[in-house]
C-alpha atoms as a PDB file:
ATOM      1  CA  UNK A   1      10.365  -8.480   2.594  1.00  0.00           C
ATOM      2  CA  UNK A   2      12.214  -5.743   4.329  1.00  0.00           C
ATOM      3  CA  UNK A   3      15.986  -5.379   4.378  1.00  0.00           C
ATOM      4  CA  UNK A   4      16.139  -6.478   8.018  1.00  0.00           C
ATOM      5  CA  UNK A   5      14.250  -9.653   7.187  1.00  0.00           C
ATOM      6  CA  UNK A   6      16.556 -10.352   4.242  1.00  0.00           C
ATOM      7  CA  UNK A   7      19.636  -9.917   6.428  1.00  0.00           C
ATOM      8  CA  UNK A   8      18.160 -12.328   8.971  1.00  0.00           C
ATOM      9  CA  UNK A   9      17.552 -14.907   6.244  1.00  0.00           C
ATOM     10  CA  UNK A  10      21.243 -14.953   5.365  1.00  0.00           C
ATOM     11  CA  UNK A  11      22.025 -16.113   8.907  1.00  0.00           C
ATOM     12  CA  UNK A  12      19.585 -19.047   8.872  1.00  0.00           C
ATOM     13  CA  UNK A  13      20.616 -22.622   8.217  1.00  0.00           C
ATOM     14  CA  UNK A  14      19.702 -24.515   5.068  1.00  0.00           C
ATOM     15  CA  UNK A  15      17.093 -26.593   6.916  1.00  0.00           C
ATOM     16  CA  UNK A  16      15.345 -23.463   8.192  1.00  0.00           C
ATOM     17  CA  UNK A  17      15.379 -21.972   4.707  1.00  0.00           C
ATOM     18  CA  UNK A  18      13.919 -25.149   3.218  1.00  0.00           C
ATOM     19  CA  UNK A  19      11.080 -25.021   5.742  1.00  0.00           C
ATOM     20  CA  UNK A  20      10.429 -21.372   4.875  1.00  0.00           C
ATOM     21  CA  UNK A  21      10.388 -22.256   1.175  1.00  0.00           C
ATOM     22  CA  UNK A  22       7.788 -24.979   1.786  1.00  0.00           C
ATOM     23  CA  UNK A  23       5.662 -22.619   3.860  1.00  0.00           C
ATOM     24  CA  UNK A  24       5.869 -19.832   1.275  1.00  0.00           C
ATOM     25  CA  UNK A  25       5.079 -22.237  -1.567  1.00  0.00           C
ATOM     26  CA  UNK A  26       1.923 -23.426   0.225  1.00  0.00           C
ATOM     27  CA  UNK A  27       0.866 -19.823   0.904  1.00  0.00           C
ATOM     28  CA  UNK A  28       1.403 -19.011  -2.775  1.00  0.00           C
ATOM     29  CA  UNK A  29      -0.729 -21.947  -3.893  1.00  0.00           C
ATOM     30  CA  UNK A  30      -3.523 -20.962  -1.502  1.00  0.00           C
ATOM     31  CA  UNK A  31      -3.408 -17.360  -2.684  1.00  0.00           C
ATOM     32  CA  UNK A  32      -3.533 -18.438  -6.326  1.00  0.00           C
ATOM     33  CA  UNK A  33      -6.538 -20.666  -5.656  1.00  0.00           C
ATOM     34  CA  UNK A  34      -8.344 -17.876  -3.813  1.00  0.00           C
ATOM     35  CA  UNK A  35      -7.565 -15.461  -6.630  1.00  0.00           C
ATOM     36  CA  UNK A  36      -8.990 -17.842  -9.233  1.00  0.00           C
ATOM     37  CA  UNK A  37     -12.101 -18.335  -7.108  1.00  0.00           C
ATOM     38  CA  UNK A  38     -12.510 -14.573  -6.811  1.00  0.00           C
ATOM     39  CA  UNK A  39     -12.128 -14.540  -3.034  1.00  0.00           C
ATOM     40  CA  UNK A  40      -8.743 -12.818  -2.812  1.00  0.00           C
ATOM     41  CA  UNK A  41      -9.081  -9.079  -2.262  1.00  0.00           C
ATOM     42  CA  UNK A  42      -5.368  -8.202  -2.282  1.00  0.00           C
ATOM     43  CA  UNK A  43      -4.333  -9.630  -5.635  1.00  0.00           C
ATOM     44  CA  UNK A  44      -0.824  -8.193  -5.323  1.00  0.00           C
ATOM     45  CA  UNK A  45      -0.125 -10.811  -2.633  1.00  0.00           C
ATOM     46  CA  UNK A  46       0.345 -13.487  -5.300  1.00  0.00           C
ATOM     47  CA  UNK A  47       3.116 -11.500  -6.964  1.00  0.00           C
ATOM     48  CA  UNK A  48       4.679 -10.678  -3.602  1.00  0.00           C
ATOM     49  CA  UNK A  49       4.712 -14.346  -2.567  1.00  0.00           C
ATOM     50  CA  UNK A  50       6.331 -15.317  -5.874  1.00  0.00           C
ATOM     51  CA  UNK A  51       9.073 -12.763  -5.327  1.00  0.00           C
ATOM     52  CA  UNK A  52       9.586 -13.888  -1.721  1.00  0.00           C
ATOM     53  CA  UNK A  53       9.884 -17.498  -2.866  1.00  0.00           C
ATOM     54  CA  UNK A  54      12.475 -16.520  -5.458  1.00  0.00           C
ATOM     55  CA  UNK A  55      14.466 -14.598  -2.837  1.00  0.00           C
ATOM     56  CA  UNK A  56      14.430 -17.585  -0.489  1.00  0.00           C
ATOM     57  CA  UNK A  57      15.567 -19.949  -3.231  1.00  0.00           C
ATOM     58  CA  UNK A  58      18.356 -17.552  -4.202  1.00  0.00           C
ATOM     59  CA  UNK A  59      19.617 -17.298  -0.625  1.00  0.00           C
ATOM     60  CA  UNK A  60      19.503 -21.082  -0.268  1.00  0.00           C
ATOM     61  CA  UNK A  61      21.492 -21.553  -3.471  1.00  0.00           C
ATOM     62  CA  UNK A  62      24.063 -18.983  -2.302  1.00  0.00           C
ATOM     63  CA  UNK A  63      24.523 -20.904   0.934  1.00  0.00           C
ATOM     64  CA  UNK A  64      24.903 -24.201  -0.917  1.00  0.00           C
ATOM     65  CA  UNK A  65      27.527 -22.697  -3.222  1.00  0.00           C
ATOM     66  CA  UNK A  66      29.237 -20.821  -0.359  1.00  0.00           C
ATOM     67  CA  UNK A  67      29.055 -17.462  -2.097  1.00  0.00           C
END
Protein backbone atom coordinates (compact mmCIF):
# COMPACT_ATOMS: atom_id res chain seq x y z
CA UNK A 1 0.00 0.00 0.00
CA UNK A 2 1.15 3.47 -0.77
CA UNK A 3 1.07 6.36 1.67
CA UNK A 4 -1.86 7.96 -0.17
CA UNK A 5 -3.86 4.76 0.15
CA UNK A 6 -3.05 4.52 3.86
CA UNK A 7 -4.18 8.10 4.44
CA UNK A 8 -7.43 7.36 2.62
CA UNK A 9 -8.02 4.32 4.82
CA UNK A 10 -7.93 6.47 7.94
CA UNK A 11 -10.91 8.44 6.62
CA UNK A 12 -13.10 5.38 5.96
CA UNK A 13 -15.81 4.20 8.31
CA UNK A 14 -15.57 1.01 10.34
CA UNK A 15 -18.06 -0.77 8.08
CA UNK A 16 -15.99 0.03 4.98
CA UNK A 17 -12.85 -1.17 6.72
CA UNK A 18 -14.53 -4.42 7.75
CA UNK A 19 -15.54 -5.04 4.14
CA UNK A 20 -11.97 -4.37 3.00
CA UNK A 21 -10.67 -6.79 5.63
CA UNK A 22 -13.02 -9.52 4.38
CA UNK A 23 -12.00 -8.89 0.79
CA UNK A 24 -8.28 -8.92 1.63
CA UNK A 25 -8.65 -12.08 3.72
CA UNK A 26 -10.32 -13.90 0.81
CA UNK A 27 -7.60 -12.71 -1.59
CA UNK A 28 -4.96 -13.95 0.85
CA UNK A 29 -6.58 -17.38 1.10
CA UNK A 30 -6.81 -17.66 -2.69
CA UNK A 31 -3.18 -16.64 -3.09
CA UNK A 32 -2.07 -19.17 -0.48
CA UNK A 33 -4.00 -21.94 -2.22
CA UNK A 34 -2.52 -21.02 -5.59
CA UNK A 35 0.96 -20.92 -4.08
CA UNK A 36 0.54 -24.40 -2.59
CA UNK A 37 -0.74 -25.70 -5.92
CA UNK A 38 2.26 -24.18 -7.68
CA UNK A 39 0.19 -21.85 -9.84
CA UNK A 40 1.17 -18.55 -8.24
CA UNK A 41 4.01 -16.85 -10.10
CA UNK A 42 4.40 -13.81 -7.83
CA UNK A 43 4.95 -15.51 -4.49
CA UNK A 44 5.64 -12.19 -2.76
CA UNK A 45 1.92 -11.38 -3.10
CA UNK A 46 1.12 -13.66 -0.16
CA UNK A 47 3.42 -11.70 2.14
CA UNK A 48 2.11 -8.40 0.79
CA UNK A 49 -1.51 -9.42 1.40
CA UNK A 50 -0.66 -10.47 4.96
CA UNK A 51 0.90 -7.09 5.63
CA UNK A 52 -2.06 -5.26 4.07
CA UNK A 53 -4.46 -7.25 6.24
CA UNK A 54 -2.47 -6.36 9.35
CA UNK A 55 -2.50 -2.67 8.39
CA UNK A 56 -6.26 -2.74 7.89
CA UNK A 57 -6.83 -4.44 11.23
CA UNK A 58 -4.57 -1.91 12.95
CA UNK A 59 -6.44 1.04 11.45
CA UNK A 60 -9.77 -0.51 12.44
CA UNK A 61 -8.60 -1.02 16.02
CA UNK A 62 -7.35 2.58 16.16
CA UNK A 63 -10.76 3.82 15.07
CA UNK A 64 -12.52 1.65 17.64
CA UNK A 65 -10.26 2.95 20.41
CA UNK A 66 -10.43 6.54 19.12
CA UNK A 67 -6.67 6.95 18.95
